[in-house]
Amino acid sequence: MPRKEPGFAERLQTAAKAKQALLEKMRASAAPGDALSAKRQAQIEAQKAREARAAERKAADRLNAERIRAERDAKEAEKARAAAEEKARKEAEKAAKARAAAELEAAQKATRDAKYAARKARQK
């Protein structure tokens, strides 16, 4: 049965192991006082520092994006709350107007009924 092809992650891991083995071989073969090995070591340290700064920038960008998203969500929640309050206020006003109109109509009807009753009483 043939072995299945290595996946992307497996290839990356193999490449990283090979790179690390090559670095270890170079460190072992170079003399500690050699100027060339010191230069290589400085380059390796500089690369590690660049990678660390890049990781820090990426983390800072991610935190900034999360903060912006949280602020946007808070603003949307505030807008939704304000809209709900406005809707409730308008419904309360509408109910109050309907109640006032019903009271006015009842008062007008009572006035009409009283006038009608007075007129009937005069005619008798």
PDB file of N, CA and C in Angstrom:
ATOM      1  N   MET A   1       0.848  -1.171   0.000  1.00  0.00           N
ATOM      2  CA  MET A   1       0.000   0.000   0.000  1.00  0.00           C
ATOM      3  C   MET A   1       0.896   1.238   0.000  1.00  0.00           C
ATOM      4  N   PRO A   2       0.712   2.139  -0.949  1.00  0.00           N
ATOM      5  CA  PRO A   2       1.575   3.328  -1.017  1.00  0.00           C
ATOM      6  C   PRO A   2       1.258   4.289   0.121  1.00  0.00           C
ATOM      7  N   ARG A   3       2.312   4.956   0.596  1.00  0.00           N
ATOM      8  CA  ARG A   3       2.156   5.949   1.656  1.00  0.00           C
ATOM      9  C   ARG A   3       1.507   7.191   1.062  1.00  0.00           C
ATOM     10  N   LYS A   4       0.605   7.777   1.796  1.00  0.00           N
ATOM     11  CA  LYS A   4      -0.079   8.960   1.259  1.00  0.00           C
ATOM     12  C   LYS A   4       0.866  10.156   1.259  1.00  0.00           C
ATOM     13  N   GLU A   5       0.618  11.083   0.370  1.00  0.00           N
ATOM     14  CA  GLU A   5       1.462  12.266   0.204  1.00  0.00           C
ATOM     15  C   GLU A   5       1.420  13.109   1.486  1.00  0.00           C
ATOM     16  N   PRO A   6       2.567  13.706   1.868  1.00  0.00           N
ATOM     17  CA  PRO A   6       2.568  14.538   3.084  1.00  0.00           C
ATOM     18  C   PRO A   6       1.745  15.813   2.855  1.00  0.00           C
ATOM     19  N   GLY A   7       1.037  16.216   3.898  1.00  0.00           N
ATOM     20  CA  GLY A   7       0.222  17.424   3.822  1.00  0.00           C
ATOM     21  C   GLY A   7       1.079  18.665   3.969  1.00  0.00           C
ATOM     22  N   PHE A   8       0.429  19.805   3.858  1.00  0.00           N
ATOM     23  CA  PHE A   8       1.124  21.084   3.916  1.00  0.00           C
ATOM     24  C   PHE A   8       1.814  21.279   5.264  1.00  0.00           C
ATOM     25  N   ALA A   9       1.087  20.994   6.331  1.00  0.00           N
ATOM     26  CA  ALA A   9       1.645  21.181   7.673  1.00  0.00           C
ATOM     27  C   ALA A   9       2.846  20.256   7.880  1.00  0.00           C
ATOM     28  N   GLU A  10       2.745  19.043   7.378  1.00  0.00           N
ATOM     29  CA  GLU A  10       3.844  18.085   7.525  1.00  0.00           C
ATOM     30  C   GLU A  10       5.073  18.553   6.741  1.00  0.00           C
ATOM     31  N   ARG A  11       4.857  19.095   5.550  1.00  0.00           N
ATOM     32  CA  ARG A  11       5.974  19.614   4.753  1.00  0.00           C
ATOM     33  C   ARG A  11       6.629  20.797   5.452  1.00  0.00           C
ATOM     34  N   LEU A  12       5.813  21.681   6.034  1.00  0.00           N
ATOM     35  CA  LEU A  12       6.360  22.820   6.776  1.00  0.00           C
ATOM     36  C   LEU A  12       7.191  22.352   7.958  1.00  0.00           C
ATOM     37  N   GLN A  13       6.690  21.359   8.663  1.00  0.00           N
ATOM     38  CA  GLN A  13       7.397  20.847   9.827  1.00  0.00           C
ATOM     39  C   GLN A  13       8.731  20.220   9.415  1.00  0.00           C
ATOM     40  N   THR A  14       8.722  19.467   8.322  1.00  0.00           N
ATOM     41  CA  THR A  14       9.941  18.846   7.819  1.00  0.00           C
ATOM     42  C   THR A  14      10.953  19.914   7.409  1.00  0.00           C
ATOM     43  N   ALA A  15      10.485  20.961   6.740  1.00  0.00           N
ATOM     44  CA  ALA A  15      11.371  22.044   6.319  1.00  0.00           C
ATOM     45  C   ALA A  15      11.970  22.756   7.536  1.00  0.00           C
ATOM     46  N   ALA A  16      11.157  22.973   8.560  1.00  0.00           N
ATOM     47  CA  ALA A  16      11.653  23.648   9.767  1.00  0.00           C
ATOM     48  C   ALA A  16      12.705  22.791  10.460  1.00  0.00           C
ATOM     49  N   LYS A  17      12.481  21.477  10.505  1.00  0.00           N
ATOM     50  CA  LYS A  17      13.460  20.577  11.124  1.00  0.00           C
ATOM     51  C   LYS A  17      14.771  20.582  10.334  1.00  0.00           C
ATOM     52  N   ALA A  18      14.668  20.586   9.014  1.00  0.00           N
ATOM     53  CA  ALA A  18      15.867  20.603   8.175  1.00  0.00           C
ATOM     54  C   ALA A  18      16.636  21.903   8.368  1.00  0.00           C
ATOM     55  N   LYS A  19      15.928  23.006   8.439  1.00  0.00           N
ATOM     56  CA  LYS A  19      16.568  24.304   8.639  1.00  0.00           C
ATOM     57  C   LYS A  19      17.274  24.343   9.999  1.00  0.00           C
ATOM     58  N   GLN A  20      16.606  23.812  11.018  1.00  0.00           N
ATOM     59  CA  GLN A  20      17.195  23.790  12.350  1.00  0.00           C
ATOM     60  C   GLN A  20      18.441  22.905  12.375  1.00  0.00           C
ATOM     61  N   ALA A  21      18.382  21.744  11.688  1.00  0.00           N
ATOM     62  CA  ALA A  21      19.537  20.850  11.639  1.00  0.00           C
ATOM     63  C   ALA A  21      20.710  21.522  10.928  1.00  0.00           C
ATOM     64  N   LEU A  22      20.421  22.245   9.851  1.00  0.00           N
ATOM     65  CA  LEU A  22      21.465  22.955   9.126  1.00  0.00           C
ATOM     66  C   LEU A  22      22.102  24.037   9.996  1.00  0.00           C
ATOM     67  N   LEU A  23      21.273  24.754  10.738  1.00  0.00           N
ATOM     68  CA  LEU A  23      21.799  25.781  11.645  1.00  0.00           C
ATOM     69  C   LEU A  23      22.689  25.164  12.720  1.00  0.00           C
ATOM     70  N   GLU A  24      22.244  24.068  13.285  1.00  0.00           N
ATOM     71  CA  GLU A  24      23.047  23.394  14.308  1.00  0.00           C
ATOM     72  C   GLU A  24      24.384  22.923  13.730  1.00  0.00           C
ATOM     73  N   LYS A  25      24.349  22.408  12.511  1.00  0.00           N
ATOM     74  CA  LYS A  25      25.581  21.933  11.851  1.00  0.00           C
ATOM     75  C   LYS A  25      26.537  23.106  11.632  1.00  0.00           C
ATOM     76  N   MET A  26      25.987  24.242  11.182  1.00  0.00           N
ATOM     77  CA  MET A  26      26.832  25.409  10.931  1.00  0.00           C
ATOM     78  C   MET A  26      27.432  25.933  12.234  1.00  0.00           C
ATOM     79  N   ARG A  27      26.637  25.930  13.308  1.00  0.00           N
ATOM     80  CA  ARG A  27      27.136  26.402  14.596  1.00  0.00           C
ATOM     81  C   ARG A  27      28.262  25.506  15.108  1.00  0.00           C
ATOM     82  N   ALA A  28      28.074  24.224  14.922  1.00  0.00           N
ATOM     83  CA  ALA A  28      29.083  23.267  15.415  1.00  0.00           C
ATOM     84  C   ALA A  28      30.377  23.358  14.611  1.00  0.00           C
ATOM     85  N   SER A  29      30.262  23.587  13.303  1.00  0.00           N
ATOM     86  CA  SER A  29      31.464  23.599  12.457  1.00  0.00           C
ATOM     87  C   SER A  29      32.233  24.914  12.548  1.00  0.00           C
ATOM     88  N   ALA A  30      31.562  25.995  12.857  1.00  0.00           N
ATOM     89  CA  ALA A  30      32.226  27.296  12.904  1.00  0.00           C
ATOM     90  C   ALA A  30      32.955  27.465  14.229  1.00  0.00           C
ATOM     91  N   ALA A  31      34.086  28.092  14.161  1.00  0.00           N
ATOM     92  CA  ALA A  31      34.848  28.369  15.373  1.00  0.00           C
ATOM     93  C   ALA A  31      34.174  29.496  16.130  1.00  0.00           C
ATOM     94  N   PRO A  32      34.168  29.452  17.461  1.00  0.00           N
ATOM     95  CA  PRO A  32      33.477  30.480  18.235  1.00  0.00           C
ATOM     96  C   PRO A  32      34.019  31.888  18.010  1.00  0.00           C
ATOM     97  N   GLY A  33      35.273  32.041  17.733  1.00  0.00           N
ATOM     98  CA  GLY A  33      35.866  33.363  17.561  1.00  0.00           C
ATOM     99  C   GLY A  33      35.865  33.823  16.119  1.00  0.00           C
ATOM    100  N   ASP A  34      35.392  33.042  15.226  1.00  0.00           N
ATOM    101  CA  ASP A  34      35.411  33.353  13.798  1.00  0.00           C
ATOM    102  C   ASP A  34      34.496  34.547  13.502  1.00  0.00           C
ATOM    103  N   ALA A  35      34.980  35.500  12.735  1.00  0.00           N
ATOM    104  CA  ALA A  35      34.206  36.698  12.407  1.00  0.00           C
ATOM    105  C   ALA A  35      33.003  36.344  11.545  1.00  0.00           C
ATOM    106  N   LEU A  36      33.173  35.387  10.647  1.00  0.00           N
ATOM    107  CA  LEU A  36      32.077  34.987   9.760  1.00  0.00           C
ATOM    108  C   LEU A  36      30.950  34.346  10.561  1.00  0.00           C
ATOM    109  N   SER A  37      31.306  33.492  11.515  1.00  0.00           N
ATOM    110  CA  SER A  37      30.254  32.856  12.321  1.00  0.00           C
ATOM    111  C   SER A  37      29.568  33.893  13.200  1.00  0.00           C
ATOM    112  N   ALA A  38      30.312  34.865  13.688  1.00  0.00           N
ATOM    113  CA  ALA A  38      29.710  35.933  14.486  1.00  0.00           C
ATOM    114  C   ALA A  38      28.734  36.738  13.639  1.00  0.00           C
ATOM    115  N   LYS A  39      29.106  36.984  12.392  1.00  0.00           N
ATOM    116  CA  LYS A  39      28.220  37.723  11.486  1.00  0.00           C
ATOM    117  C   LYS A  39      26.958  36.916  11.230  1.00  0.00           C
ATOM    118  N   ARG A  40      27.132  35.602  10.979  1.00  0.00           N
ATOM    119  CA  ARG A  40      25.964  34.741  10.753  1.00  0.00           C
ATOM    120  C   ARG A  40      25.080  34.717  11.989  1.00  0.00           C
ATOM    121  N   GLN A  41      25.696  34.600  13.140  1.00  0.00           N
ATOM    122  CA  GLN A  41      24.932  34.569  14.383  1.00  0.00           C
ATOM    123  C   GLN A  41      24.166  35.880  14.574  1.00  0.00           C
ATOM    124  N   ALA A  42      24.807  36.991  14.247  1.00  0.00           N
ATOM    125  CA  ALA A  42      24.144  38.291  14.351  1.00  0.00           C
ATOM    126  C   ALA A  42      22.953  38.362  13.391  1.00  0.00           C
ATOM    127  N   GLN A  43      23.131  37.815  12.189  1.00  0.00           N
ATOM    128  CA  GLN A  43      22.027  37.797  11.225  1.00  0.00           C
ATOM    129  C   GLN A  43      20.870  36.946  11.737  1.00  0.00           C
ATOM    130  N   ILE A  44      21.218  35.804  12.330  1.00  0.00           N
ATOM    131  CA  ILE A  44      20.171  34.929  12.876  1.00  0.00           C
ATOM    132  C   ILE A  44      19.421  35.632  13.999  1.00  0.00           C
ATOM    133  N   GLU A  45      20.149  36.291  14.882  1.00  0.00           N
ATOM    134  CA  GLU A  45      19.516  37.022  15.983  1.00  0.00           C
ATOM    135  C   GLU A  45      18.653  38.168  15.452  1.00  0.00           C
ATOM    136  N   ALA A  46      19.155  38.849  14.423  1.00  0.00           N
ATOM    137  CA  ALA A  46      18.380  39.947  13.828  1.00  0.00           C
ATOM    138  C   ALA A  46      17.087  39.401  13.209  1.00  0.00           C
ATOM    139  N   GLN A  47      17.166  38.256  12.555  1.00  0.00           N
ATOM    140  CA  GLN A  47      15.971  37.646  11.959  1.00  0.00           C
ATOM    141  C   GLN A  47      14.964  37.274  13.049  1.00  0.00           C
ATOM    142  N   LYS A  48      15.480  36.707  14.142  1.00  0.00           N
ATOM    143  CA  LYS A  48      14.585  36.353  15.251  1.00  0.00           C
ATOM    144  C   LYS A  48      13.924  37.599  15.835  1.00  0.00           C
ATOM    145  N   ALA A  49      14.679  38.669  15.948  1.00  0.00           N
ATOM    146  CA  ALA A  49      14.130  39.927  16.470  1.00  0.00           C
ATOM    147  C   ALA A  49      13.062  40.477  15.532  1.00  0.00           C
ATOM    148  N   ARG A  50      13.321  40.416  14.203  1.00  0.00           N
ATOM    149  CA  ARG A  50      12.319  40.878  13.233  1.00  0.00           C
ATOM    150  C   ARG A  50      11.040  40.051  13.338  1.00  0.00           C
ATOM    151  N   GLU A  51      11.191  38.742  13.478  1.00  0.00           N
ATOM    152  CA  GLU A  51      10.022  37.872  13.601  1.00  0.00           C
ATOM    153  C   GLU A  51       9.248  38.177  14.878  1.00  0.00           C
ATOM    154  N   ALA A  52       9.975  38.456  15.963  1.00  0.00           N
ATOM    155  CA  ALA A  52       9.319  38.792  17.228  1.00  0.00           C
ATOM    156  C   ALA A  52       8.547  40.105  17.101  1.00  0.00           C
ATOM    157  N   ARG A  53       9.170  41.107  16.465  1.00  0.00           N
ATOM    158  CA  ARG A  53       8.471  42.390  16.269  1.00  0.00           C
ATOM    159  C   ARG A  53       7.250  42.217  15.386  1.00  0.00           C
ATOM    160  N   ALA A  54       7.369  41.393  14.352  1.00  0.00           N
ATOM    161  CA  ALA A  54       6.229  41.140  13.460  1.00  0.00           C
ATOM    162  C   ALA A  54       5.097  40.472  14.240  1.00  0.00           C
ATOM    163  N   ALA A  55       5.449  39.529  15.107  1.00  0.00           N
ATOM    164  CA  ALA A  55       4.432  38.860  15.920  1.00  0.00           C
ATOM    165  C   ALA A  55       3.765  39.849  16.873  1.00  0.00           C
ATOM    166  N   GLU A  56       4.552  40.753  17.448  1.00  0.00           N
ATOM    167  CA  GLU A  56       3.992  41.769  18.342  1.00  0.00           C
ATOM    168  C   GLU A  56       3.050  42.701  17.587  1.00  0.00           C
ATOM    169  N   ARG A  57       3.467  43.110  16.376  1.00  0.00           N
ATOM    170  CA  ARG A  57       2.600  43.973  15.567  1.00  0.00           C
ATOM    171  C   ARG A  57       1.300  43.255  15.226  1.00  0.00           C
ATOM    172  N   LYS A  58       1.410  41.993  14.874  1.00  0.00           N
ATOM    173  CA  LYS A  58       0.217  41.223  14.520  1.00  0.00           C
ATOM    174  C   LYS A  58      -0.726  41.117  15.719  1.00  0.00           C
ATOM    175  N   ALA A  59      -0.162  40.867  16.901  1.00  0.00           N
ATOM    176  CA  ALA A  59      -0.982  40.778  18.113  1.00  0.00           C
ATOM    177  C   ALA A  59      -1.621  42.129  18.423  1.00  0.00           C
ATOM    178  N   ALA A  60      -0.871  43.202  18.257  1.00  0.00           N
ATOM    179  CA  ALA A  60      -1.410  44.546  18.504  1.00  0.00           C
ATOM    180  C   ALA A  60      -2.527  44.868  17.508  1.00  0.00           C
ATOM    181  N   ASP A  61      -2.330  44.493  16.256  1.00  0.00           N
ATOM    182  CA  ASP A  61      -3.373  44.719  15.247  1.00  0.00           C
ATOM    183  C   ASP A  61      -4.632  43.932  15.586  1.00  0.00           C
ATOM    184  N   ARG A  62      -4.440  42.697  16.049  1.00  0.00           N
ATOM    185  CA  ARG A  62      -5.592  41.863  16.402  1.00  0.00           C
ATOM    186  C   ARG A  62      -6.340  42.477  17.585  1.00  0.00           C
ATOM    187  N   LEU A  63      -5.605  42.954  18.585  1.00  0.00           N
ATOM    188  CA  LEU A  63      -6.243  43.596  19.740  1.00  0.00           C
ATOM    189  C   LEU A  63      -6.972  44.867  19.329  1.00  0.00           C
ATOM    190  N   ASN A  64      -6.356  45.635  18.435  1.00  0.00           N
ATOM    191  CA  ASN A  64      -6.990  46.859  17.953  1.00  0.00           C
ATOM    192  C   ASN A  64      -8.272  46.534  17.201  1.00  0.00           C
ATOM    193  N   ALA A  65      -8.232  45.502  16.366  1.00  0.00           N
ATOM    194  CA  ALA A  65      -9.426  45.105  15.614  1.00  0.00           C
ATOM    195  C   ALA A  65     -10.533  44.649  16.567  1.00  0.00           C
ATOM    196  N   GLU A  66     -10.158  43.920  17.612  1.00  0.00           N
ATOM    197  CA  GLU A  66     -11.154  43.480  18.594  1.00  0.00           C
ATOM    198  C   GLU A  66     -11.749  44.673  19.333  1.00  0.00           C
ATOM    199  N   ARG A  67     -10.911  45.649  19.665  1.00  0.00           N
ATOM    200  CA  ARG A  67     -11.399  46.842  20.357  1.00  0.00           C
ATOM    201  C   ARG A  67     -12.370  47.622  19.472  1.00  0.00           C
ATOM    202  N   ILE A  68     -12.007  47.769  18.203  1.00  0.00           N
ATOM    203  CA  ILE A  68     -12.870  48.480  17.259  1.00  0.00           C
ATOM    204  C   ILE A  68     -14.196  47.738  17.108  1.00  0.00           C
ATOM    205  N   ARG A  69     -14.122  46.411  17.011  1.00  0.00           N
ATOM    206  CA  ARG A  69     -15.341  45.605  16.871  1.00  0.00           C
ATOM    207  C   ARG A  69     -16.223  45.761  18.112  1.00  0.00           C
ATOM    208  N   ALA A  70     -15.607  45.775  19.299  1.00  0.00           N
ATOM    209  CA  ALA A  70     -16.373  45.934  20.537  1.00  0.00           C
ATOM    210  C   ALA A  70     -17.035  47.312  20.592  1.00  0.00           C
ATOM    211  N   GLU A  71     -16.303  48.343  20.179  1.00  0.00           N
ATOM    212  CA  GLU A  71     -16.881  49.696  20.152  1.00  0.00           C
ATOM    213  C   GLU A  71     -18.053  49.765  19.181  1.00  0.00           C
ATOM    214  N   ARG A  72     -17.880  49.151  17.995  1.00  0.00           N
ATOM    215  CA  ARG A  72     -18.945  49.157  17.004  1.00  0.00           C
ATOM    216  C   ARG A  72     -20.180  48.416  17.533  1.00  0.00           C
ATOM    217  N   ASP A  73     -19.960  47.280  18.200  1.00  0.00           N
ATOM    218  CA  ASP A  73     -21.073  46.523  18.771  1.00  0.00           C
ATOM    219  C   ASP A  73     -21.785  47.327  19.848  1.00  0.00           C
ATOM    220  N   ALA A  74     -21.000  48.060  20.662  1.00  0.00           N
ATOM    221  CA  ALA A  74     -21.599  48.888  21.707  1.00  0.00           C
ATOM    222  C   ALA A  74     -22.439  50.013  21.097  1.00  0.00           C
ATOM    223  N   LYS A  75     -21.927  50.628  20.027  1.00  0.00           N
ATOM    224  CA  LYS A  75     -22.693  51.687  19.360  1.00  0.00           C
ATOM    225  C   LYS A  75     -23.984  51.138  18.764  1.00  0.00           C
ATOM    226  N   GLU A  76     -23.901  49.964  18.139  1.00  0.00           N
ATOM    227  CA  GLU A  76     -25.096  49.354  17.562  1.00  0.00           C
ATOM    228  C   GLU A  76     -26.113  49.016  18.641  1.00  0.00           C
ATOM    229  N   ALA A  77     -25.638  48.521  19.782  1.00  0.00           N
ATOM    230  CA  ALA A  77     -26.541  48.203  20.892  1.00  0.00           C
ATOM    231  C   ALA A  77     -27.200  49.480  21.412  1.00  0.00           C
ATOM    232  N   GLU A  78     -26.431  50.559  21.504  1.00  0.00           N
ATOM    233  CA  GLU A  78     -26.975  51.835  21.960  1.00  0.00           C
ATOM    234  C   GLU A  78     -28.033  52.350  20.979  1.00  0.00           C
ATOM    235  N   LYS A  79     -27.744  52.223  19.675  1.00  0.00           N
ATOM    236  CA  LYS A  79     -28.725  52.649  18.666  1.00  0.00           C
ATOM    237  C   LYS A  79     -30.003  51.831  18.777  1.00  0.00           C
ATOM    238  N   ALA A  80     -29.859  50.524  18.965  1.00  0.00           N
ATOM    239  CA  ALA A  80     -31.026  49.648  19.088  1.00  0.00           C
ATOM    240  C   ALA A  80     -31.839  50.011  20.329  1.00  0.00           C
ATOM    241  N   ARG A  81     -31.139  50.287  21.445  1.00  0.00           N
ATOM    242  CA  ARG A  81     -31.827  50.673  22.674  1.00  0.00           C
ATOM    243  C   ARG A  81     -32.562  52.000  22.477  1.00  0.00           C
ATOM    244  N   ALA A  82     -31.910  52.959  21.837  1.00  0.00           N
ATOM    245  CA  ALA A  82     -32.538  54.261  21.590  1.00  0.00           C
ATOM    246  C   ALA A  82     -33.752  54.108  20.673  1.00  0.00           C
ATOM    247  N   ALA A  83     -33.633  53.266  19.654  1.00  0.00           N
ATOM    248  CA  ALA A  83     -34.759  53.034  18.750  1.00  0.00           C
ATOM    249  C   ALA A  83     -35.925  52.390  19.494  1.00  0.00           C
ATOM    250  N   ALA A  84     -35.621  51.445  20.378  1.00  0.00           N
ATOM    251  CA  ALA A  84     -36.683  50.794  21.153  1.00  0.00           C
ATOM    252  C   ALA A  84     -37.360  51.799  22.081  1.00  0.00           C
ATOM    253  N   GLU A  85     -36.566  52.674  22.714  1.00  0.00           N
ATOM    254  CA  GLU A  85     -37.137  53.705  23.588  1.00  0.00           C
ATOM    255  C   GLU A  85     -38.012  54.666  22.788  1.00  0.00           C
ATOM    256  N   GLU A  86     -37.554  55.066  21.605  1.00  0.00           N
ATOM    257  CA  GLU A  86     -38.325  55.980  20.750  1.00  0.00           C
ATOM    258  C   GLU A  86     -39.640  55.326  20.332  1.00  0.00           C
ATOM    259  N   LYS A  87     -39.576  54.063  19.987  1.00  0.00           N
ATOM    260  CA  LYS A  87     -40.786  53.346  19.574  1.00  0.00           C
ATOM    261  C   LYS A  87     -41.772  53.261  20.739  1.00  0.00           C
ATOM    262  N   ALA A  88     -41.260  52.950  21.929  1.00  0.00           N
ATOM    263  CA  ALA A  88     -42.120  52.869  23.113  1.00  0.00           C
ATOM    264  C   ALA A  88     -42.736  54.233  23.423  1.00  0.00           C
ATOM    265  N   ARG A  89     -41.932  55.306  23.276  1.00  0.00           N
ATOM    266  CA  ARG A  89     -42.448  56.658  23.538  1.00  0.00           C
ATOM    267  C   ARG A  89     -43.552  57.020  22.550  1.00  0.00           C
ATOM    268  N   LYS A  90     -43.332  56.692  21.270  1.00  0.00           N
ATOM    269  CA  LYS A  90     -44.347  56.999  20.255  1.00  0.00           C
ATOM    270  C   LYS A  90     -45.625  56.204  20.498  1.00  0.00           C
ATOM    271  N   GLU A  91     -45.472  54.942  20.892  1.00  0.00           N
ATOM    272  CA  GLU A  91     -46.655  54.133  21.178  1.00  0.00           C
ATOM    273  C   GLU A  91     -47.410  54.683  22.382  1.00  0.00           C
ATOM    274  N   ALA A  92     -46.678  55.159  23.394  1.00  0.00           N
ATOM    275  CA  ALA A  92     -47.315  55.751  24.574  1.00  0.00           C
ATOM    276  C   ALA A  92     -48.059  57.031  24.191  1.00  0.00           C
ATOM    277  N   GLU A  93     -47.435  57.856  23.344  1.00  0.00           N
ATOM    278  CA  GLU A  93     -48.099  59.078  22.874  1.00  0.00           C
ATOM    279  C   GLU A  93     -49.354  58.745  22.088  1.00  0.00           C
ATOM    280  N   LYS A  94     -49.249  57.740  21.237  1.00  0.00           N
ATOM    281  CA  LYS A  94     -50.405  57.326  20.424  1.00  0.00           C
ATOM    282  C   LYS A  94     -51.540  56.839  21.325  1.00  0.00           C
ATOM    283  N   ALA A  95     -51.201  56.050  22.346  1.00  0.00           N
ATOM    284  CA  ALA A  95     -52.216  55.557  23.282  1.00  0.00           C
ATOM    285  C   ALA A  95     -52.827  56.713  24.059  1.00  0.00           C
ATOM    286  N   ALA A  96     -52.001  57.683  24.471  1.00  0.00           N
ATOM    287  CA  ALA A  96     -52.507  58.844  25.213  1.00  0.00           C
ATOM    288  C   ALA A  96     -53.441  59.679  24.334  1.00  0.00           C
ATOM    289  N   LYS A  97     -53.069  59.851  23.069  1.00  0.00           N
ATOM    290  CA  LYS A  97     -53.934  60.610  22.155  1.00  0.00           C
ATOM    291  C   LYS A  97     -55.253  59.881  21.938  1.00  0.00           C
ATOM    292  N   ALA A  98     -55.191  58.565  21.791  1.00  0.00           N
ATOM    293  CA  ALA A  98     -56.416  57.793  21.591  1.00  0.00           C
ATOM    294  C   ALA A  98     -57.298  57.878  22.834  1.00  0.00           C
ATOM    295  N   ARG A  99     -56.690  57.807  24.021  1.00  0.00           N
ATOM    296  CA  ARG A  99     -57.442  57.912  25.270  1.00  0.00           C
ATOM    297  C   ARG A  99     -58.069  59.303  25.382  1.00  0.00           C
ATOM    298  N   ALA A 100     -57.306  60.343  25.049  1.00  0.00           N
ATOM    299  CA  ALA A 100     -57.831  61.713  25.116  1.00  0.00           C
ATOM    300  C   ALA A 100     -58.970  61.895  24.111  1.00  0.00           C
ATOM    301  N   ALA A 101     -58.827  61.326  22.915  1.00  0.00           N
ATOM    302  CA  ALA A 101     -59.883  61.438  21.908  1.00  0.00           C
ATOM    303  C   ALA A 101     -61.141  60.724  22.381  1.00  0.00           C
ATOM    304  N   ALA A 102     -60.974  59.555  23.000  1.00  0.00           N
ATOM    305  CA  ALA A 102     -62.133  58.814  23.511  1.00  0.00           C
ATOM    306  C   ALA A 102     -62.809  59.592  24.636  1.00  0.00           C
ATOM    307  N   GLU A 103     -62.039  60.204  25.528  1.00  0.00           N
ATOM    308  CA  GLU A 103     -62.610  61.007  26.618  1.00  0.00           C
ATOM    309  C   GLU A 103     -63.346  62.221  26.060  1.00  0.00           C
ATOM    310  N   LEU A 104     -62.757  62.880  25.060  1.00  0.00           N
ATOM    311  CA  LEU A 104     -63.398  64.036  24.441  1.00  0.00           C
ATOM    312  C   LEU A 104     -64.706  63.626  23.789  1.00  0.00           C
ATOM    313  N   GLU A 105     -64.667  62.512  23.074  1.00  0.00           N
ATOM    314  CA  GLU A 105     -65.885  62.033  22.415  1.00  0.00           C
ATOM    315  C   GLU A 105     -66.956  61.678  23.442  1.00  0.00           C
ATOM    316  N   ALA A 106     -66.566  61.073  24.542  1.00  0.00           N
ATOM    317  CA  ALA A 106     -67.522  60.737  25.602  1.00  0.00           C
ATOM    318  C   ALA A 106     -68.100  62.010  26.215  1.00  0.00           C
ATOM    319  N   ALA A 107     -67.243  63.012  26.429  1.00  0.00           N
ATOM    320  CA  ALA A 107     -67.714  64.277  27.001  1.00  0.00           C
ATOM    321  C   ALA A 107     -68.674  64.974  26.033  1.00  0.00           C
ATOM    322  N   GLN A 108     -68.352  64.978  24.755  1.00  0.00           N
ATOM    323  CA  GLN A 108     -69.229  65.597  23.753  1.00  0.00           C
ATOM    324  C   GLN A 108     -70.571  64.861  23.680  1.00  0.00           C
ATOM    325  N   LYS A 109     -70.514  63.528  23.770  1.00  0.00           N
ATOM    326  CA  LYS A 109     -71.749  62.740  23.729  1.00  0.00           C
ATOM    327  C   LYS A 109     -72.603  63.054  24.958  1.00  0.00           C
ATOM    328  N   ALA A 110     -71.955  63.153  26.108  1.00  0.00           N
ATOM    329  CA  ALA A 110     -72.691  63.474  27.338  1.00  0.00           C
ATOM    330  C   ALA A 110     -73.322  64.856  27.216  1.00  0.00           C
ATOM    331  N   THR A 111     -72.602  65.812  26.638  1.00  0.00           N
ATOM    332  CA  THR A 111     -73.148  67.159  26.439  1.00  0.00           C
ATOM    333  C   THR A 111     -74.343  67.115  25.492  1.00  0.00           C
ATOM    334  N   ARG A 112     -74.199  66.391  24.373  1.00  0.00           N
ATOM    335  CA  ARG A 112     -75.310  66.254  23.420  1.00  0.00           C
ATOM    336  C   ARG A 112     -76.532  65.600  24.069  1.00  0.00           C
ATOM    337  N   ASP A 113     -76.272  64.542  24.840  1.00  0.00           N
ATOM    338  CA  ASP A 113     -77.368  63.844  25.509  1.00  0.00           C
ATOM    339  C   ASP A 113     -78.065  64.760  26.507  1.00  0.00           C
ATOM    340  N   ALA A 114     -77.280  65.574  27.215  1.00  0.00           N
ATOM    341  CA  ALA A 114     -77.872  66.499  28.187  1.00  0.00           C
ATOM    342  C   ALA A 114     -78.724  67.541  27.468  1.00  0.00           C
ATOM    343  N   LYS A 115     -78.247  68.073  26.333  1.00  0.00           N
ATOM    344  CA  LYS A 115     -79.021  69.051  25.566  1.00  0.00           C
ATOM    345  C   LYS A 115     -80.305  68.412  25.034  1.00  0.00           C
ATOM    346  N   TYR A 116     -80.189  67.190  24.549  1.00  0.00           N
ATOM    347  CA  TYR A 116     -81.352  66.483  24.008  1.00  0.00           C
ATOM    348  C   TYR A 116     -82.369  66.251  25.114  1.00  0.00           C
ATOM    349  N   ALA A 117     -81.908  65.835  26.287  1.00  0.00           N
ATOM    350  CA  ALA A 117     -82.811  65.582  27.406  1.00  0.00           C
ATOM    351  C   ALA A 117     -83.473  66.881  27.851  1.00  0.00           C
ATOM    352  N   ALA A 118     -82.718  68.003  27.852  1.00  0.00           N
ATOM    353  CA  ALA A 118     -83.283  69.298  28.249  1.00  0.00           C
ATOM    354  C   ALA A 118     -84.341  69.742  27.246  1.00  0.00           C
ATOM    355  N   ARG A 119     -84.095  69.546  25.960  1.00  0.00           N
ATOM    356  CA  ARG A 119     -85.050  69.920  24.942  1.00  0.00           C
ATOM    357  C   ARG A 119     -86.322  69.089  25.058  1.00  0.00           C
ATOM    358  N   LYS A 120     -86.165  67.819  25.303  1.00  0.00           N
ATOM    359  CA  LYS A 120     -87.338  66.942  25.470  1.00  0.00           C
ATOM    360  C   LYS A 120     -88.145  67.354  26.706  1.00  0.00           C
ATOM    361  N   ALA A 121     -87.412  67.734  27.761  1.00  0.00           N
ATOM    362  CA  ALA A 121     -88.085  68.135  28.993  1.00  0.00           C
ATOM    363  C   ALA A 121     -88.846  69.428  28.761  1.00  0.00           C
ATOM    364  N   ARG A 122     -88.329  70.366  27.963  1.00  0.00           N
ATOM    365  CA  ARG A 122     -89.019  71.619  27.685  1.00  0.00           C
ATOM    366  C   ARG A 122     -90.267  71.405  26.850  1.00  0.00           C
ATOM    367  N   GLN A 123     -90.213  70.454  25.951  1.00  0.00           N
ATOM    368  CA  GLN A 123     -91.345  70.201  25.052  1.00  0.00           C
ATOM    369  C   GLN A 123     -92.525  69.571  25.779  1.00  0.00           C
ATOM    370  N   LYS A 124     -92.329  68.974  26.902  1.00  0.00           N
ATOM    371  CA  LYS A 124     -93.424  68.329  27.603  1.00  0.00           C
ATOM    372  C   LYS A 124     -94.175  69.241  28.459  1.00  0.00           C
TER     373      LYS A 124
END
